[in-house]
Amino acid sequence: MKNSVLDRLKSYFNEYFLDATKPTAKNLFLIVVSILALDVFRSVRFAHRHVLSKLSGTSLNAYYYALKCGRLNPGAWRDVTVSKVLRTVPDQLMEQPLFLSIDDTMVAKEGEKFELRSKLFDHAAHNGSNYLNGHCMVSILLSFPVMAGS
């Protein structure tokens, strides 16, 4: 059963990895699976400890390498995501307005030995300082109105 679910997920996410080599595409896909499986994605190391090591015998460094050198194109990922989202809109709602919500969430990180860490201003911090070391995670939500029948 595990393989059939992973195979279906892989076929759904394949569009994201068209430019990657097969090993890199596999590792990137497994990172996406770990993001879906975990309640909170704290780090690649955390994902490796709790999900990735159970799905594959691949080392932690291979996942770091895939993220750093995997020729990720954020524009292509955005285009694939928007295309997938628009395919979910029912025909009867195609003329209705769509609402795009964007949220930025600060994720604090301990230590200084990880990529893309920066000192971030957090207006909502209640820890005695308005700054934290970490990442800023951006979420995008596309919503469309649905009419309820009477």
C-alpha atoms as a PDB file:
ATOM      1  CA  MET A   1       0.000   0.000   0.000  1.00  0.00           C
ATOM      2  CA  LYS A   2       2.822   2.410   0.882  1.00  0.00           C
ATOM      3  CA  ASN A   3       4.222   2.322  -2.642  1.00  0.00           C
ATOM      4  CA  SER A   4       0.860   2.889  -4.332  1.00  0.00           C
ATOM      5  CA  VAL A   5       0.234   6.035  -2.251  1.00  0.00           C
ATOM      6  CA  LEU A   6       3.772   7.295  -2.881  1.00  0.00           C
ATOM      7  CA  ASP A   7       3.455   6.484  -6.587  1.00  0.00           C
ATOM      8  CA  ARG A   8       0.222   8.517  -6.831  1.00  0.00           C
ATOM      9  CA  LEU A   9       1.810  11.424  -4.967  1.00  0.00           C
ATOM     10  CA  LYS A  10       4.895  11.215  -7.198  1.00  0.00           C
ATOM     11  CA  SER A  11       2.804  11.359 -10.356  1.00  0.00           C
ATOM     12  CA  TYR A  12       1.013  14.428  -8.954  1.00  0.00           C
ATOM     13  CA  PHE A  13       4.254  16.251  -8.074  1.00  0.00           C
ATOM     14  CA  ASN A  14       6.324  15.146 -11.120  1.00  0.00           C
ATOM     15  CA  GLU A  15       5.738  18.464 -12.901  1.00  0.00           C
ATOM     16  CA  TYR A  16       7.815  20.228 -10.244  1.00  0.00           C
ATOM     17  CA  PHE A  17      10.922  18.142 -10.921  1.00  0.00           C
ATOM     18  CA  LEU A  18      11.132  18.060 -14.715  1.00  0.00           C
ATOM     19  CA  ASP A  19      14.518  19.835 -14.821  1.00  0.00           C
ATOM     20  CA  ALA A  20      16.127  17.712 -12.101  1.00  0.00           C
ATOM     21  CA  THR A  21      18.130  14.527 -12.494  1.00  0.00           C
ATOM     22  CA  LYS A  22      16.358  11.348 -11.365  1.00  0.00           C
ATOM     23  CA  PRO A  23      18.183  11.098  -7.998  1.00  0.00           C
ATOM     24  CA  THR A  24      17.628  14.799  -7.270  1.00  0.00           C
ATOM     25  CA  ALA A  25      13.971  14.582  -8.312  1.00  0.00           C
ATOM     26  CA  LYS A  26      13.508  11.614  -5.967  1.00  0.00           C
ATOM     27  CA  ASN A  27      15.100  13.461  -3.047  1.00  0.00           C
ATOM     28  CA  LEU A  28      13.120  16.641  -3.687  1.00  0.00           C
ATOM     29  CA  PHE A  29       9.925  14.612  -3.903  1.00  0.00           C
ATOM     30  CA  LEU A  30      10.686  12.916  -0.590  1.00  0.00           C
ATOM     31  CA  ILE A  31      11.266  16.334   0.990  1.00  0.00           C
ATOM     32  CA  VAL A  32       7.801  17.368  -0.235  1.00  0.00           C
ATOM     33  CA  VAL A  33       6.365  14.148   1.248  1.00  0.00           C
ATOM     34  CA  SER A  34       8.025  14.934   4.577  1.00  0.00           C
ATOM     35  CA  ILE A  35       6.554  18.456   4.522  1.00  0.00           C
ATOM     36  CA  LEU A  36       3.104  16.927   3.971  1.00  0.00           C
ATOM     37  CA  ALA A  37       3.633  14.284   6.670  1.00  0.00           C
ATOM     38  CA  LEU A  38       4.968  16.526   9.416  1.00  0.00           C
ATOM     39  CA  ASP A  39       2.834  18.845  11.477  1.00  0.00           C
ATOM     40  CA  VAL A  40       5.744  21.302  11.599  1.00  0.00           C
ATOM     41  CA  PHE A  41       8.674  21.270   9.173  1.00  0.00           C
ATOM     42  CA  ARG A  42      11.457  22.568  11.425  1.00  0.00           C
ATOM     43  CA  SER A  43      14.406  21.671   9.223  1.00  0.00           C
ATOM     44  CA  VAL A  44      15.719  19.137   6.736  1.00  0.00           C
ATOM     45  CA  ARG A  45      17.546  17.441   9.618  1.00  0.00           C
ATOM     46  CA  PHE A  46      14.267  17.162  11.555  1.00  0.00           C
ATOM     47  CA  ALA A  47      12.500  15.800   8.452  1.00  0.00           C
ATOM     48  CA  HIS A  48      15.319  13.298   7.904  1.00  0.00           C
ATOM     49  CA  ARG A  49      15.150  12.091  11.485  1.00  0.00           C
ATOM     50  CA  HIS A  50      11.363  11.632  11.489  1.00  0.00           C
ATOM     51  CA  VAL A  51      10.322  10.842   7.899  1.00  0.00           C
ATOM     52  CA  LEU A  52      13.030  10.738   5.237  1.00  0.00           C
ATOM     53  CA  SER A  53      15.213   8.082   6.903  1.00  0.00           C
ATOM     54  CA  LYS A  54      12.157   5.808   7.124  1.00  0.00           C
ATOM     55  CA  LEU A  55      11.309   6.211   3.432  1.00  0.00           C
ATOM     56  CA  SER A  56      14.803   5.946   1.999  1.00  0.00           C
ATOM     57  CA  GLY A  57      18.339   5.019   2.974  1.00  0.00           C
ATOM     58  CA  THR A  58      19.589   8.305   1.520  1.00  0.00           C
ATOM     59  CA  SER A  59      21.933  10.340   3.713  1.00  0.00           C
ATOM     60  CA  LEU A  60      21.024  13.719   5.152  1.00  0.00           C
ATOM     61  CA  ASN A  61      23.720  15.376   3.014  1.00  0.00           C
ATOM     62  CA  ALA A  62      22.036  14.147  -0.168  1.00  0.00           C
ATOM     63  CA  TYR A  63      18.911  16.148   0.711  1.00  0.00           C
ATOM     64  CA  TYR A  64      20.969  19.252   1.442  1.00  0.00           C
ATOM     65  CA  TYR A  65      22.722  18.765  -1.901  1.00  0.00           C
ATOM     66  CA  ALA A  66      19.395  18.384  -3.737  1.00  0.00           C
ATOM     67  CA  LEU A  67      18.145  21.652  -2.275  1.00  0.00           C
ATOM     68  CA  LYS A  68      21.369  23.525  -2.940  1.00  0.00           C
ATOM     69  CA  CYS A  69      22.316  22.180  -6.373  1.00  0.00           C
ATOM     70  CA  GLY A  70      19.082  20.752  -7.724  1.00  0.00           C
ATOM     71  CA  ARG A  71      18.485  23.595 -10.183  1.00  0.00           C
ATOM     72  CA  LEU A  72      15.300  24.647  -8.424  1.00  0.00           C
ATOM     73  CA  ASN A  73      13.459  27.298 -10.358  1.00  0.00           C
ATOM     74  CA  PRO A  74      11.046  29.186  -8.061  1.00  0.00           C
ATOM     75  CA  GLY A  75       9.294  30.727 -11.064  1.00  0.00           C
ATOM     76  CA  ALA A  76       8.600  27.309 -12.573  1.00  0.00           C
ATOM     77  CA  TRP A  77       7.355  26.014  -9.204  1.00  0.00           C
ATOM     78  CA  ARG A  78       5.044  29.024  -8.963  1.00  0.00           C
ATOM     79  CA  ASP A  79       3.706  28.462 -12.483  1.00  0.00           C
ATOM     80  CA  VAL A  80       3.093  24.744 -11.868  1.00  0.00           C
ATOM     81  CA  THR A  81       1.335  25.519  -8.581  1.00  0.00           C
ATOM     82  CA  VAL A  82      -0.921  28.178 -10.101  1.00  0.00           C
ATOM     83  CA  SER A  83      -1.739  25.862 -13.007  1.00  0.00           C
ATOM     84  CA  LYS A  84      -2.681  23.034 -10.626  1.00  0.00           C
ATOM     85  CA  VAL A  85      -4.803  25.351  -8.492  1.00  0.00           C
ATOM     86  CA  LEU A  86      -6.672  26.788 -11.465  1.00  0.00           C
ATOM     87  CA  ARG A  87      -7.456  23.252 -12.683  1.00  0.00           C
ATOM     88  CA  THR A  88      -9.339  22.652  -9.410  1.00  0.00           C
ATOM     89  CA  VAL A  89     -11.762  25.548  -9.944  1.00  0.00           C
ATOM     90  CA  PRO A  90     -15.111  24.168 -11.146  1.00  0.00           C
ATOM     91  CA  ASP A  91     -16.348  25.486 -14.505  1.00  0.00           C
ATOM     92  CA  GLN A  92     -19.379  27.166 -12.918  1.00  0.00           C
ATOM     93  CA  LEU A  93     -17.046  29.278 -10.738  1.00  0.00           C
ATOM     94  CA  MET A  94     -14.569  30.305 -13.449  1.00  0.00           C
ATOM     95  CA  GLU A  95     -16.132  33.783 -13.739  1.00  0.00           C
ATOM     96  CA  GLN A  96     -16.164  34.344  -9.968  1.00  0.00           C
ATOM     97  CA  PRO A  97     -13.450  36.357  -8.213  1.00  0.00           C
ATOM     98  CA  LEU A  98     -10.484  34.538  -6.712  1.00  0.00           C
ATOM     99  CA  PHE A  99      -8.909  35.655  -3.447  1.00  0.00           C
ATOM    100  CA  LEU A 100      -5.182  35.385  -2.879  1.00  0.00           C
ATOM    101  CA  SER A 101      -4.010  35.430   0.742  1.00  0.00           C
ATOM    102  CA  ILE A 102      -0.321  35.703   1.527  1.00  0.00           C
ATOM    103  CA  ASP A 103       1.073  35.083   5.011  1.00  0.00           C
ATOM    104  CA  ASP A 104       4.627  35.378   6.237  1.00  0.00           C
ATOM    105  CA  THR A 105       5.507  33.427   9.355  1.00  0.00           C
ATOM    106  CA  MET A 106       8.759  33.748  11.237  1.00  0.00           C
ATOM    107  CA  VAL A 107      10.367  30.456  12.229  1.00  0.00           C
ATOM    108  CA  ALA A 108      13.053  30.829  14.883  1.00  0.00           C
ATOM    109  CA  LYS A 109      16.196  28.724  14.487  1.00  0.00           C
ATOM    110  CA  GLU A 110      18.822  27.860  17.084  1.00  0.00           C
ATOM    111  CA  GLY A 111      22.473  28.210  16.134  1.00  0.00           C
ATOM    112  CA  GLU A 112      24.044  29.862  13.142  1.00  0.00           C
ATOM    113  CA  LYS A 113      25.234  26.969  10.971  1.00  0.00           C
ATOM    114  CA  PHE A 114      22.417  26.643   8.481  1.00  0.00           C
ATOM    115  CA  GLU A 115      21.721  28.240   5.146  1.00  0.00           C
ATOM    116  CA  LEU A 116      19.511  31.257   4.592  1.00  0.00           C
ATOM    117  CA  ARG A 117      19.352  32.133   8.281  1.00  0.00           C
ATOM    118  CA  SER A 118      19.000  35.800   8.915  1.00  0.00           C
ATOM    119  CA  LYS A 119      18.178  38.265  11.651  1.00  0.00           C
ATOM    120  CA  LEU A 120      14.495  39.065  11.160  1.00  0.00           C
ATOM    121  CA  PHE A 121      12.334  41.797  12.631  1.00  0.00           C
ATOM    122  CA  ASP A 122       9.251  40.240  14.226  1.00  0.00           C
ATOM    123  CA  HIS A 123       6.620  42.800  15.183  1.00  0.00           C
ATOM    124  CA  ALA A 124       4.643  40.145  17.060  1.00  0.00           C
ATOM    125  CA  ALA A 125       7.549  38.844  19.166  1.00  0.00           C
ATOM    126  CA  HIS A 126       6.893  38.625  22.877  1.00  0.00           C
ATOM    127  CA  ASN A 127      10.326  37.445  23.955  1.00  0.00           C
ATOM    128  CA  GLY A 128      11.937  40.702  25.062  1.00  0.00           C
ATOM    129  CA  SER A 129      13.379  41.445  21.619  1.00  0.00           C
ATOM    130  CA  ASN A 130      11.799  42.311  18.298  1.00  0.00           C
ATOM    131  CA  TYR A 131      14.441  40.314  16.410  1.00  0.00           C
ATOM    132  CA  LEU A 132      14.992  36.611  15.941  1.00  0.00           C
ATOM    133  CA  ASN A 133      17.398  34.383  14.048  1.00  0.00           C
ATOM    134  CA  GLY A 134      15.560  32.193  11.605  1.00  0.00           C
ATOM    135  CA  HIS A 135      13.657  31.884   8.378  1.00  0.00           C
ATOM    136  CA  CYS A 136      10.635  33.658   7.036  1.00  0.00           C
ATOM    137  CA  MET A 137       8.187  31.105   5.593  1.00  0.00           C
ATOM    138  CA  VAL A 138       5.686  32.510   3.099  1.00  0.00           C
ATOM    139  CA  SER A 139       2.352  30.761   2.518  1.00  0.00           C
ATOM    140  CA  ILE A 140      -0.031  31.502  -0.315  1.00  0.00           C
ATOM    141  CA  LEU A 141      -3.697  30.547  -0.181  1.00  0.00           C
ATOM    142  CA  LEU A 142      -5.986  30.810  -3.174  1.00  0.00           C
ATOM    143  CA  SER A 143      -9.676  30.915  -2.273  1.00  0.00           C
ATOM    144  CA  PHE A 144     -12.811  31.186  -4.338  1.00  0.00           C
ATOM    145  CA  PRO A 145     -16.393  31.661  -3.151  1.00  0.00           C
ATOM    146  CA  VAL A 146     -18.662  28.640  -3.093  1.00  0.00           C
ATOM    147  CA  MET A 147     -22.406  29.101  -3.130  1.00  0.00           C
ATOM    148  CA  ALA A 148     -24.370  26.868  -0.770  1.00  0.00           C
ATOM    149  CA  GLY A 149     -27.571  25.405  -2.162  1.00  0.00           C
ATOM    150  CA  SER A 150     -30.836  25.986  -0.339  1.00  0.00           C
END
